[in-house]
Amino acid sequence: DGLKLTVAAKRTSDEQIEDRWLTVLAELWEEFLTKNASHFS
């Protein structure tokens, strides 16, 4: 209990990523876990 993934902008990256892409990446990962909840954990 407590295992969770957070996607953050890389500090060493020359180009700063937009905040909306961080939200999109988190939502895509949650969609993957939700669809495969009965097959993967």
PDB file of all heavy atoms in Angstrom:
ATOM      1  N   ASP A   1       0.831  -1.198   0.000  1.00  0.00           N
ATOM      2  CA  ASP A   1       0.000   0.000   0.000  1.00  0.00           C
ATOM      3  C   ASP A   1       0.870   1.255   0.000  1.00  0.00           C
ATOM      4  O   ASP A   1       1.785   1.391   0.811  1.00  0.00           O
ATOM      5  CB  ASP A   1      -0.894  -0.010   1.244  1.00  0.00           C
ATOM      6  CG  ASP A   1      -1.886   1.132   1.238  1.00  0.00           C
ATOM      7  OD1 ASP A   1      -2.158   1.656   0.143  1.00  0.00           O
ATOM      8  OD2 ASP A   1      -2.370   1.505   2.325  1.00  0.00           O
ATOM      9  N   GLY A   2       0.589   2.166  -0.900  1.00  0.00           N
ATOM     10  CA  GLY A   2       1.350   3.401  -1.003  1.00  0.00           C
ATOM     11  C   GLY A   2       2.178   3.512  -2.257  1.00  0.00           C
ATOM     12  O   GLY A   2       2.737   4.592  -2.539  1.00  0.00           O
ATOM     13  N   LEU A   3       2.303   2.434  -3.041  1.00  0.00           N
ATOM     14  CA  LEU A   3       3.082   2.489  -4.273  1.00  0.00           C
ATOM     15  C   LEU A   3       2.342   3.329  -5.317  1.00  0.00           C
ATOM     16  O   LEU A   3       1.208   3.027  -5.687  1.00  0.00           O
ATOM     17  CB  LEU A   3       3.326   1.078  -4.805  1.00  0.00           C
ATOM     18  CG  LEU A   3       4.093   0.971  -6.125  1.00  0.00           C
ATOM     19  CD1 LEU A   3       5.433   1.671  -6.031  1.00  0.00           C
ATOM     20  CD2 LEU A   3       4.259  -0.477  -6.527  1.00  0.00           C
ATOM     21  N   LYS A   4       2.996   4.376  -5.772  1.00  0.00           N
ATOM     22  CA  LYS A   4       2.360   5.301  -6.709  1.00  0.00           C
ATOM     23  C   LYS A   4       3.421   5.916  -7.609  1.00  0.00           C
ATOM     24  O   LYS A   4       4.556   6.144  -7.175  1.00  0.00           O
ATOM     25  CB  LYS A   4       1.599   6.401  -5.958  1.00  0.00           C
ATOM     26  CG  LYS A   4       0.777   7.305  -6.855  1.00  0.00           C
ATOM     27  CD  LYS A   4       0.018   8.333  -6.036  1.00  0.00           C
ATOM     28  CE  LYS A   4      -0.802   9.245  -6.949  1.00  0.00           C
ATOM     29  NZ  LYS A   4      -1.544  10.275  -6.165  1.00  0.00           N
ATOM     30  N   LEU A   5       3.050   6.194  -8.836  1.00  0.00           N
ATOM     31  CA  LEU A   5       3.958   6.786  -9.814  1.00  0.00           C
ATOM     32  C   LEU A   5       3.588   8.244 -10.049  1.00  0.00           C
ATOM     33  O   LEU A   5       2.416   8.586 -10.215  1.00  0.00           O
ATOM     34  CB  LEU A   5       3.898   6.015 -11.136  1.00  0.00           C
ATOM     35  CG  LEU A   5       4.642   6.652 -12.319  1.00  0.00           C
ATOM     36  CD1 LEU A   5       6.133   6.728 -12.028  1.00  0.00           C
ATOM     37  CD2 LEU A   5       4.365   5.884 -13.591  1.00  0.00           C
ATOM     38  N   THR A   6       4.620   9.093 -10.058  1.00  0.00           N
ATOM     39  CA  THR A   6       4.458  10.505 -10.385  1.00  0.00           C
ATOM     40  C   THR A   6       5.414  10.850 -11.518  1.00  0.00           C
ATOM     41  O   THR A   6       6.606  10.531 -11.444  1.00  0.00           O
ATOM     42  CB  THR A   6       4.749  11.402  -9.171  1.00  0.00           C
ATOM     43  OG1 THR A   6       3.889  11.019  -8.093  1.00  0.00           O
ATOM     44  CG2 THR A   6       4.516  12.860  -9.512  1.00  0.00           C
ATOM     45  N   VAL A   7       4.895  11.483 -12.551  1.00  0.00           N
ATOM     46  CA  VAL A   7       5.701  11.897 -13.698  1.00  0.00           C
ATOM     47  C   VAL A   7       6.017  13.379 -13.534  1.00  0.00           C
ATOM     48  O   VAL A   7       5.113  14.206 -13.381  1.00  0.00           O
ATOM     49  CB  VAL A   7       4.963  11.639 -15.024  1.00  0.00           C
ATOM     50  CG1 VAL A   7       5.838  12.006 -16.207  1.00  0.00           C
ATOM     51  CG2 VAL A   7       4.532  10.183 -15.116  1.00  0.00           C
ATOM     52  N   ALA A   8       7.300  13.712 -13.539  1.00  0.00           N
ATOM     53  CA  ALA A   8       7.747  15.093 -13.353  1.00  0.00           C
ATOM     54  C   ALA A   8       8.674  15.484 -14.482  1.00  0.00           C
ATOM     55  O   ALA A   8       9.231  14.638 -15.189  1.00  0.00           O
ATOM     56  CB  ALA A   8       8.449  15.257 -12.003  1.00  0.00           C
ATOM     57  N   ALA A   9       8.845  16.789 -14.647  1.00  0.00           N
ATOM     58  CA  ALA A   9       9.743  17.295 -15.676  1.00  0.00           C
ATOM     59  C   ALA A   9      11.189  17.026 -15.282  1.00  0.00           C
ATOM     60  O   ALA A   9      11.571  17.176 -14.121  1.00  0.00           O
ATOM     61  CB  ALA A   9       9.518  18.789 -15.884  1.00  0.00           C
ATOM     62  N   LYS A  10      12.003  16.637 -16.252  1.00  0.00           N
ATOM     63  CA  LYS A  10      13.400  16.349 -15.994  1.00  0.00           C
ATOM     64  C   LYS A  10      14.174  17.652 -15.810  1.00  0.00           C
ATOM     65  O   LYS A  10      14.033  18.587 -16.602  1.00  0.00           O
ATOM     66  CB  LYS A  10      13.978  15.534 -17.141  1.00  0.00           C
ATOM     67  CG  LYS A  10      15.405  15.053 -16.903  1.00  0.00           C
ATOM     68  CD  LYS A  10      15.907  14.247 -18.085  1.00  0.00           C
ATOM     69  CE  LYS A  10      15.109  12.972 -18.262  1.00  0.00           C
ATOM     70  NZ  LYS A  10      15.689  12.118 -19.344  1.00  0.00           N
ATOM     71  N   ARG A  11      14.978  17.701 -14.770  1.00  0.00           N
ATOM     72  CA  ARG A  11      15.699  18.941 -14.477  1.00  0.00           C
ATOM     73  C   ARG A  11      16.781  19.222 -15.510  1.00  0.00           C
ATOM     74  O   ARG A  11      17.037  20.376 -15.859  1.00  0.00           O
ATOM     75  CB  ARG A  11      16.345  18.843 -13.089  1.00  0.00           C
ATOM     76  CG  ARG A  11      15.363  18.581 -11.962  1.00  0.00           C
ATOM     77  CD  ARG A  11      16.117  18.459 -10.647  1.00  0.00           C
ATOM     78  NE  ARG A  11      15.235  18.055  -9.568  1.00  0.00           N
ATOM     79  CZ  ARG A  11      15.649  17.774  -8.331  1.00  0.00           C
ATOM     80  NH1 ARG A  11      16.936  17.851  -8.054  1.00  0.00           N
ATOM     81  NH2 ARG A  11      14.790  17.427  -7.399  1.00  0.00           N
ATOM     82  N   THR A  12      17.441  18.183 -15.986  1.00  0.00           N
ATOM     83  CA  THR A  12      18.570  18.366 -16.903  1.00  0.00           C
ATOM     84  C   THR A  12      18.137  18.570 -18.343  1.00  0.00           C
ATOM     85  O   THR A  12      18.982  18.733 -19.227  1.00  0.00           O
ATOM     86  CB  THR A  12      19.485  17.141 -16.834  1.00  0.00           C
ATOM     87  OG1 THR A  12      18.731  15.958 -17.165  1.00  0.00           O
ATOM     88  CG2 THR A  12      20.069  16.986 -15.443  1.00  0.00           C
ATOM     89  N   SER A  13      16.832  18.547 -18.600  1.00  0.00           N
ATOM     90  CA  SER A  13      16.353  18.698 -19.974  1.00  0.00           C
ATOM     91  C   SER A  13      16.486  20.155 -20.411  1.00  0.00           C
ATOM     92  O   SER A  13      16.188  21.085 -19.657  1.00  0.00           O
ATOM     93  CB  SER A  13      14.899  18.240 -20.074  1.00  0.00           C
ATOM     94  OG  SER A  13      14.413  18.418 -21.388  1.00  0.00           O
ATOM     95  N   ASP A  14      16.933  20.366 -21.644  1.00  0.00           N
ATOM     96  CA  ASP A  14      17.071  21.725 -22.170  1.00  0.00           C
ATOM     97  C   ASP A  14      15.712  22.347 -22.437  1.00  0.00           C
ATOM     98  O   ASP A  14      15.516  23.550 -22.235  1.00  0.00           O
ATOM     99  CB  ASP A  14      17.906  21.700 -23.453  1.00  0.00           C
ATOM    100  CG  ASP A  14      19.322  21.203 -23.194  1.00  0.00           C
ATOM    101  OD1 ASP A  14      19.789  21.362 -22.051  1.00  0.00           O
ATOM    102  OD2 ASP A  14      19.939  20.640 -24.130  1.00  0.00           O
ATOM    103  N   GLU A  15      14.769  21.543 -22.895  1.00  0.00           N
ATOM    104  CA  GLU A  15      13.432  22.043 -23.198  1.00  0.00           C
ATOM    105  C   GLU A  15      12.484  21.657 -22.070  1.00  0.00           C
ATOM    106  O   GLU A  15      12.429  20.494 -21.659  1.00  0.00           O
ATOM    107  CB  GLU A  15      12.936  21.460 -24.522  1.00  0.00           C
ATOM    108  CG  GLU A  15      13.816  21.825 -25.724  1.00  0.00           C
ATOM    109  CD  GLU A  15      13.287  21.210 -27.002  1.00  0.00           C
ATOM    110  OE1 GLU A  15      12.243  20.509 -26.920  1.00  0.00           O
ATOM    111  OE2 GLU A  15      13.902  21.415 -28.062  1.00  0.00           O
ATOM    112  N   GLN A  16      11.754  22.629 -21.561  1.00  0.00           N
ATOM    113  CA  GLN A  16      10.803  22.395 -20.493  1.00  0.00           C
ATOM    114  C   GLN A  16       9.497  21.875 -21.086  1.00  0.00           C
ATOM    115  O   GLN A  16       8.949  22.456 -22.027  1.00  0.00           O
ATOM    116  CB  GLN A  16      10.544  23.690 -19.703  1.00  0.00           C
ATOM    117  CG  GLN A  16      11.748  24.170 -18.923  1.00  0.00           C
ATOM    118  CD  GLN A  16      12.140  23.181 -17.838  1.00  0.00           C
ATOM    119  OE1 GLN A  16      11.294  22.492 -17.276  1.00  0.00           O
ATOM    120  NE2 GLN A  16      13.442  23.117 -17.560  1.00  0.00           N
ATOM    121  N   ILE A  17       9.036  20.787 -20.516  1.00  0.00           N
ATOM    122  CA  ILE A  17       7.798  20.182 -20.999  1.00  0.00           C
ATOM    123  C   ILE A  17       6.599  20.939 -20.454  1.00  0.00           C
ATOM    124  O   ILE A  17       6.637  21.506 -19.342  1.00  0.00           O
ATOM    125  CB  ILE A  17       7.739  18.701 -20.578  1.00  0.00           C
ATOM    126  CG1 ILE A  17       6.541  18.016 -21.236  1.00  0.00           C
ATOM    127  CG2 ILE A  17       7.687  18.566 -19.073  1.00  0.00           C
ATOM    128  CD1 ILE A  17       6.496  16.511 -20.967  1.00  0.00           C
ATOM    129  N   GLU A  18       5.545  20.987 -21.214  1.00  0.00           N
ATOM    130  CA  GLU A  18       4.327  21.656 -20.766  1.00  0.00           C
ATOM    131  C   GLU A  18       3.649  20.829 -19.683  1.00  0.00           C
ATOM    132  O   GLU A  18       3.716  19.595 -19.675  1.00  0.00           O
ATOM    133  CB  GLU A  18       3.382  21.873 -21.948  1.00  0.00           C
ATOM    134  CG  GLU A  18       3.969  22.736 -23.057  1.00  0.00           C
ATOM    135  CD  GLU A  18       2.994  22.899 -24.197  1.00  0.00           C
ATOM    136  OE1 GLU A  18       1.821  22.483 -24.048  1.00  0.00           O
ATOM    137  OE2 GLU A  18       3.390  23.439 -25.243  1.00  0.00           O
ATOM    138  N   ASP A  19       2.980  21.518 -18.771  1.00  0.00           N
ATOM    139  CA  ASP A  19       2.324  20.831 -17.657  1.00  0.00           C
ATOM    140  C   ASP A  19       1.215  19.905 -18.131  1.00  0.00           C
ATOM    141  O   ASP A  19       0.937  18.877 -17.506  1.00  0.00           O
ATOM    142  CB  ASP A  19       1.753  21.858 -16.670  1.00  0.00           C
ATOM    143  CG  ASP A  19       2.849  22.642 -15.968  1.00  0.00           C
ATOM    144  OD1 ASP A  19       3.999  22.152 -15.955  1.00  0.00           O
ATOM    145  OD2 ASP A  19       2.552  23.739 -15.455  1.00  0.00           O
ATOM    146  N   ARG A  20       0.587  20.244 -19.247  1.00  0.00           N
ATOM    147  CA  ARG A  20      -0.526  19.406 -19.709  1.00  0.00           C
ATOM    148  C   ARG A  20      -0.044  18.023 -20.132  1.00  0.00           C
ATOM    149  O   ARG A  20      -0.768  17.032 -19.987  1.00  0.00           O
ATOM    150  CB  ARG A  20      -1.274  20.082 -20.853  1.00  0.00           C
ATOM    151  CG  ARG A  20      -0.451  20.255 -22.128  1.00  0.00           C
ATOM    152  CD  ARG A  20      -1.218  21.028 -23.181  1.00  0.00           C
ATOM    153  NE  ARG A  20      -0.479  21.111 -24.441  1.00  0.00           N
ATOM    154  CZ  ARG A  20      -0.625  20.243 -25.435  1.00  0.00           C
ATOM    155  NH1 ARG A  20      -1.440  19.213 -25.300  1.00  0.00           N
ATOM    156  NH2 ARG A  20       0.060  20.390 -26.550  1.00  0.00           N
ATOM    157  N   TRP A  21       1.215  17.936 -20.627  1.00  0.00           N
ATOM    158  CA  TRP A  21       1.714  16.627 -21.023  1.00  0.00           C
ATOM    159  C   TRP A  21       1.983  15.744 -19.802  1.00  0.00           C
ATOM    160  O   TRP A  21       1.857  14.520 -19.873  1.00  0.00           O
ATOM    161  CB  TRP A  21       2.979  16.770 -21.859  1.00  0.00           C
ATOM    162  CG  TRP A  21       2.739  17.311 -23.238  1.00  0.00           C
ATOM    163  CD1 TRP A  21       3.240  18.456 -23.778  1.00  0.00           C
ATOM    164  CD2 TRP A  21       1.904  16.733 -24.255  1.00  0.00           C
ATOM    165  NE1 TRP A  21       2.785  18.630 -25.067  1.00  0.00           N
ATOM    166  CE2 TRP A  21       1.966  17.576 -25.379  1.00  0.00           C
ATOM    167  CE3 TRP A  21       1.118  15.584 -24.315  1.00  0.00           C
ATOM    168  CZ2 TRP A  21       1.271  17.304 -26.556  1.00  0.00           C
ATOM    169  CZ3 TRP A  21       0.425  15.307 -25.496  1.00  0.00           C
ATOM    170  CH2 TRP A  21       0.506  16.160 -26.585  1.00  0.00           C
ATOM    171  N   LEU A  22       2.374  16.357 -18.703  1.00  0.00           N
ATOM    172  CA  LEU A  22       2.545  15.576 -17.477  1.00  0.00           C
ATOM    173  C   LEU A  22       1.220  14.971 -17.042  1.00  0.00           C
ATOM    174  O   LEU A  22       1.155  13.804 -16.614  1.00  0.00           O
ATOM    175  CB  LEU A  22       3.121  16.457 -16.371  1.00  0.00           C
ATOM    176  CG  LEU A  22       4.499  17.074 -16.637  1.00  0.00           C
ATOM    177  CD1 LEU A  22       4.915  17.954 -15.467  1.00  0.00           C
ATOM    178  CD2 LEU A  22       5.534  15.987 -16.883  1.00  0.00           C
ATOM    179  N   THR A  23       0.165  15.738 -17.152  1.00  0.00           N
ATOM    180  CA  THR A  23      -1.164  15.221 -16.806  1.00  0.00           C
ATOM    181  C   THR A  23      -1.592  14.125 -17.768  1.00  0.00           C
ATOM    182  O   THR A  23      -2.167  13.105 -17.362  1.00  0.00           O
ATOM    183  CB  THR A  23      -2.187  16.362 -16.819  1.00  0.00           C
ATOM    184  OG1 THR A  23      -1.752  17.411 -15.945  1.00  0.00           O
ATOM    185  CG2 THR A  23      -3.550  15.867 -16.360  1.00  0.00           C
ATOM    186  N   VAL A  24      -1.282  14.311 -19.056  1.00  0.00           N
ATOM    187  CA  VAL A  24      -1.658  13.305 -20.056  1.00  0.00           C
ATOM    188  C   VAL A  24      -0.922  11.993 -19.799  1.00  0.00           C
ATOM    189  O   VAL A  24      -1.508  10.898 -19.864  1.00  0.00           O
ATOM    190  CB  VAL A  24      -1.368  13.834 -21.474  1.00  0.00           C
ATOM    191  CG1 VAL A  24      -1.517  12.716 -22.500  1.00  0.00           C
ATOM    192  CG2 VAL A  24      -2.300  14.980 -21.803  1.00  0.00           C
ATOM    193  N   LEU A  25       0.366  12.065 -19.478  1.00  0.00           N
ATOM    194  CA  LEU A  25       1.130  10.848 -19.210  1.00  0.00           C
ATOM    195  C   LEU A  25       0.589  10.109 -17.997  1.00  0.00           C
ATOM    196  O   LEU A  25       0.487   8.872 -17.997  1.00  0.00           O
ATOM    197  CB  LEU A  25       2.601  11.206 -18.995  1.00  0.00           C
ATOM    198  CG  LEU A  25       3.368  11.708 -20.223  1.00  0.00           C
ATOM    199  CD1 LEU A  25       4.773  12.126 -19.831  1.00  0.00           C
ATOM    200  CD2 LEU A  25       3.413  10.658 -21.312  1.00  0.00           C
ATOM    201  N   ALA A  26       0.236  10.841 -16.945  1.00  0.00           N
ATOM    202  CA  ALA A  26      -0.332  10.197 -15.758  1.00  0.00           C
ATOM    203  C   ALA A  26      -1.673   9.544 -16.071  1.00  0.00           C
ATOM    204  O   ALA A  26      -1.968   8.431 -15.606  1.00  0.00           O
ATOM    205  CB  ALA A  26      -0.485  11.221 -14.632  1.00  0.00           C
ATOM    206  N   GLU A  27      -2.491  10.206 -16.882  1.00  0.00           N
ATOM    207  CA  GLU A  27      -3.792   9.639 -17.236  1.00  0.00           C
ATOM    208  C   GLU A  27      -3.640   8.397 -18.119  1.00  0.00           C
ATOM    209  O   GLU A  27      -4.392   7.419 -17.962  1.00  0.00           O
ATOM    210  CB  GLU A  27      -4.639  10.695 -17.956  1.00  0.00           C
ATOM    211  CG  GLU A  27      -5.065  11.860 -17.054  1.00  0.00           C
ATOM    212  CD  GLU A  27      -5.828  12.915 -17.820  1.00  0.00           C
ATOM    213  OE1 GLU A  27      -5.878  12.809 -19.079  1.00  0.00           O
ATOM    214  OE2 GLU A  27      -6.364  13.839 -17.186  1.00  0.00           O
ATOM    215  N   LEU A  28      -2.688   8.412 -19.036  1.00  0.00           N
ATOM    216  CA  LEU A  28      -2.461   7.234 -19.888  1.00  0.00           C
ATOM    217  C   LEU A  28      -2.024   6.031 -19.068  1.00  0.00           C
ATOM    218  O   LEU A  28      -2.473   4.898 -19.314  1.00  0.00           O
ATOM    219  CB  LEU A  28      -1.415   7.553 -20.950  1.00  0.00           C
ATOM    220  CG  LEU A  28      -1.818   8.564 -22.033  1.00  0.00           C
ATOM    221  CD1 LEU A  28      -0.645   8.837 -22.962  1.00  0.00           C
ATOM    222  CD2 LEU A  28      -3.026   8.076 -22.817  1.00  0.00           C
ATOM    223  N   TRP A  29      -1.161   6.241 -18.094  1.00  0.00           N
ATOM    224  CA  TRP A  29      -0.717   5.126 -17.243  1.00  0.00           C
ATOM    225  C   TRP A  29      -1.869   4.576 -16.412  1.00  0.00           C
ATOM    226  O   TRP A  29      -1.993   3.364 -16.232  1.00  0.00           O
ATOM    227  CB  TRP A  29       0.431   5.588 -16.354  1.00  0.00           C
ATOM    228  CG  TRP A  29       0.971   4.536 -15.444  1.00  0.00           C
ATOM    229  CD1 TRP A  29       0.863   4.493 -14.093  1.00  0.00           C
ATOM    230  CD2 TRP A  29       1.692   3.352 -15.826  1.00  0.00           C
ATOM    231  NE1 TRP A  29       1.477   3.365 -13.589  1.00  0.00           N
ATOM    232  CE2 TRP A  29       1.995   2.660 -14.628  1.00  0.00           C
ATOM    233  CE3 TRP A  29       2.102   2.821 -17.041  1.00  0.00           C
ATOM    234  CZ2 TRP A  29       2.700   1.444 -14.639  1.00  0.00           C
ATOM    235  CZ3 TRP A  29       2.800   1.623 -17.044  1.00  0.00           C
ATOM    236  CH2 TRP A  29       3.088   0.953 -15.861  1.00  0.00           C
ATOM    237  N   GLU A  30      -2.706   5.452 -15.902  1.00  0.00           N
ATOM    238  CA  GLU A  30      -3.870   4.993 -15.136  1.00  0.00           C
ATOM    239  C   GLU A  30      -4.842   4.227 -16.028  1.00  0.00           C
ATOM    240  O   GLU A  30      -5.459   3.252 -15.581  1.00  0.00           O
ATOM    241  CB  GLU A  30      -4.573   6.186 -14.476  1.00  0.00           C
ATOM    242  CG  GLU A  30      -3.781   6.828 -13.346  1.00  0.00           C
ATOM    243  CD  GLU A  30      -3.533   5.859 -12.205  1.00  0.00           C
ATOM    244  OE1 GLU A  30      -4.395   4.983 -11.959  1.00  0.00           O
ATOM    245  OE2 GLU A  30      -2.473   5.965 -11.557  1.00  0.00           O
ATOM    246  N   GLU A  31      -5.001   4.653 -17.272  1.00  0.00           N
ATOM    247  CA  GLU A  31      -5.863   3.906 -18.196  1.00  0.00           C
ATOM    248  C   GLU A  31      -5.315   2.507 -18.439  1.00  0.00           C
ATOM    249  O   GLU A  31      -6.071   1.529 -18.493  1.00  0.00           O
ATOM    250  CB  GLU A  31      -5.982   4.671 -19.517  1.00  0.00           C
ATOM    251  CG  GLU A  31      -6.783   5.963 -19.426  1.00  0.00           C
ATOM    252  CD  GLU A  31      -6.830   6.677 -20.766  1.00  0.00           C
ATOM    253  OE1 GLU A  31      -6.325   6.095 -21.760  1.00  0.00           O
ATOM    254  OE2 GLU A  31      -7.350   7.802 -20.811  1.00  0.00           O
ATOM    255  N   PHE A  32      -4.003   2.401 -18.591  1.00  0.00           N
ATOM    256  CA  PHE A  32      -3.388   1.084 -18.791  1.00  0.00           C
ATOM    257  C   PHE A  32      -3.612   0.189 -17.568  1.00  0.00           C
ATOM    258  O   PHE A  32      -3.973  -0.991 -17.702  1.00  0.00           O
ATOM    259  CB  PHE A  32      -1.897   1.261 -19.059  1.00  0.00           C
ATOM    260  CG  PHE A  32      -1.107  -0.020 -18.982  1.00  0.00           C
ATOM    261  CD1 PHE A  32      -1.154  -0.945 -20.007  1.00  0.00           C
ATOM    262  CD2 PHE A  32      -0.334  -0.300 -17.866  1.00  0.00           C
ATOM    263  CE1 PHE A  32      -0.435  -2.127 -19.936  1.00  0.00           C
ATOM    264  CE2 PHE A  32       0.391  -1.481 -17.789  1.00  0.00           C
ATOM    265  CZ  PHE A  32       0.341  -2.391 -18.820  1.00  0.00           C
ATOM    266  N   LEU A  33      -3.405   0.715 -16.373  1.00  0.00           N
ATOM    267  CA  LEU A  33      -3.612  -0.088 -15.157  1.00  0.00           C
ATOM    268  C   LEU A  33      -5.072  -0.474 -14.983  1.00  0.00           C
ATOM    269  O   LEU A  33      -5.380  -1.589 -14.537  1.00  0.00           O
ATOM    270  CB  LEU A  33      -3.125   0.693 -13.938  1.00  0.00           C
ATOM    271  CG  LEU A  33      -1.623   0.983 -13.862  1.00  0.00           C
ATOM    272  CD1 LEU A  33      -1.311   1.788 -12.607  1.00  0.00           C
ATOM    273  CD2 LEU A  33      -0.818  -0.310 -13.882  1.00  0.00           C
ATOM    274  N   THR A  34      -5.974   0.413 -15.329  1.00  0.00           N
ATOM    275  CA  THR A  34      -7.405   0.126 -15.165  1.00  0.00           C
ATOM    276  C   THR A  34      -7.859  -0.972 -16.114  1.00  0.00           C
ATOM    277  O   THR A  34      -8.589  -1.894 -15.729  1.00  0.00           O
ATOM    278  CB  THR A  34      -8.234   1.394 -15.400  1.00  0.00           C
ATOM    279  OG1 THR A  34      -7.816   2.408 -14.482  1.00  0.00           O
ATOM    280  CG2 THR A  34      -9.719   1.112 -15.197  1.00  0.00           C
ATOM    281  N   LYS A  35      -7.416  -0.915 -17.375  1.00  0.00           N
ATOM    282  CA  LYS A  35      -7.835  -1.928 -18.341  1.00  0.00           C
ATOM    283  C   LYS A  35      -7.276  -3.301 -17.986  1.00  0.00           C
ATOM    284  O   LYS A  35      -7.956  -4.320 -18.148  1.00  0.00           O
ATOM    285  CB  LYS A  35      -7.385  -1.526 -19.738  1.00  0.00           C
ATOM    286  CG  LYS A  35      -7.763  -2.562 -20.796  1.00  0.00           C
ATOM    287  CD  LYS A  35      -7.292  -2.161 -22.178  1.00  0.00           C
ATOM    288  CE  LYS A  35      -7.639  -3.235 -23.209  1.00  0.00           C
ATOM    289  NZ  LYS A  35      -7.185  -2.879 -24.564  1.00  0.00           N
ATOM    290  N   ASN A  36      -6.055  -3.345 -17.497  1.00  0.00           N
ATOM    291  CA  ASN A  36      -5.400  -4.616 -17.188  1.00  0.00           C
ATOM    292  C   ASN A  36      -5.420  -4.938 -15.699  1.00  0.00           C
ATOM    293  O   ASN A  36      -4.550  -5.666 -15.211  1.00  0.00           O
ATOM    294  CB  ASN A  36      -3.949  -4.588 -17.681  1.00  0.00           C
ATOM    295  CG  ASN A  36      -3.849  -4.452 -19.183  1.00  0.00           C
ATOM    296  OD1 ASN A  36      -3.959  -5.415 -19.922  1.00  0.00           O
ATOM    297  ND2 ASN A  36      -3.632  -3.224 -19.636  1.00  0.00           N
ATOM    298  N   ALA A  37      -6.406  -4.397 -14.991  1.00  0.00           N
ATOM    299  CA  ALA A  37      -6.453  -4.609 -13.534  1.00  0.00           C
ATOM    300  C   ALA A  37      -6.606  -6.079 -13.177  1.00  0.00           C
ATOM    301  O   ALA A  37      -6.070  -6.537 -12.158  1.00  0.00           O
ATOM    302  CB  ALA A  37      -7.597  -3.795 -12.924  1.00  0.00           C
ATOM    303  N   SER A  38      -7.311  -6.840 -13.991  1.00  0.00           N
ATOM    304  CA  SER A  38      -7.513  -8.264 -13.702  1.00  0.00           C
ATOM    305  C   SER A  38      -6.395  -9.143 -14.234  1.00  0.00           C
ATOM    306  O   SER A  38      -6.407 -10.354 -13.998  1.00  0.00           O
ATOM    307  CB  SER A  38      -8.849  -8.731 -14.295  1.00  0.00           C
ATOM    308  OG  SER A  38      -8.882  -8.508 -15.697  1.00  0.00           O
ATOM    309  N   HIS A  39      -5.438  -8.564 -14.949  1.00  0.00           N
ATOM    310  CA  HIS A  39      -4.344  -9.339 -15.534  1.00  0.00           C
ATOM    311  C   HIS A  39      -2.975  -8.886 -15.056  1.00  0.00           C
ATOM    312  O   HIS A  39      -2.005  -9.638 -15.221  1.00  0.00           O
ATOM    313  CB  HIS A  39      -4.380  -9.253 -17.064  1.00  0.00           C
ATOM    314  CG  HIS A  39      -5.723  -9.524 -17.660  1.00  0.00           C
ATOM    315  ND1 HIS A  39      -6.311 -10.765 -17.616  1.00  0.00           N
ATOM    316  CD2 HIS A  39      -6.595  -8.703 -18.304  1.00  0.00           C
ATOM    317  CE1 HIS A  39      -7.483 -10.703 -18.220  1.00  0.00           C
ATOM    318  NE2 HIS A  39      -7.682  -9.477 -18.634  1.00  0.00           N
ATOM    319  N   PHE A  40      -2.867  -7.705 -14.484  1.00  0.00           N
ATOM    320  CA  PHE A  40      -1.571  -7.181 -14.068  1.00  0.00           C
ATOM    321  C   PHE A  40      -1.725  -6.366 -12.796  1.00  0.00           C
ATOM    322  O   PHE A  40      -2.709  -5.640 -12.614  1.00  0.00           O
ATOM    323  CB  PHE A  40      -0.965  -6.295 -15.164  1.00  0.00           C
ATOM    324  CG  PHE A  40       0.249  -5.535 -14.706  1.00  0.00           C
ATOM    325  CD1 PHE A  40       1.491  -6.148 -14.675  1.00  0.00           C
ATOM    326  CD2 PHE A  40       0.144  -4.217 -14.286  1.00  0.00           C
ATOM    327  CE1 PHE A  40       2.608  -5.447 -14.242  1.00  0.00           C
ATOM    328  CE2 PHE A  40       1.254  -3.517 -13.864  1.00  0.00           C
ATOM    329  CZ  PHE A  40       2.495  -4.132 -13.834  1.00  0.00           C
ATOM    330  N   SER A  41      -0.770  -6.505 -11.918  1.00  0.00           N
ATOM    331  CA  SER A  41      -0.686  -5.682 -10.709  1.00  0.00           C
ATOM    332  C   SER A  41       0.766  -5.641 -10.269  1.00  0.00           C
ATOM    333  O   SER A  41       1.565  -6.539 -10.588  1.00  0.00           O
ATOM    334  CB  SER A  41      -1.579  -6.227  -9.588  1.00  0.00           C
ATOM    335  OG  SER A  41      -1.121  -7.495  -9.154  1.00  0.00           O
TER     336      SER A  41
END
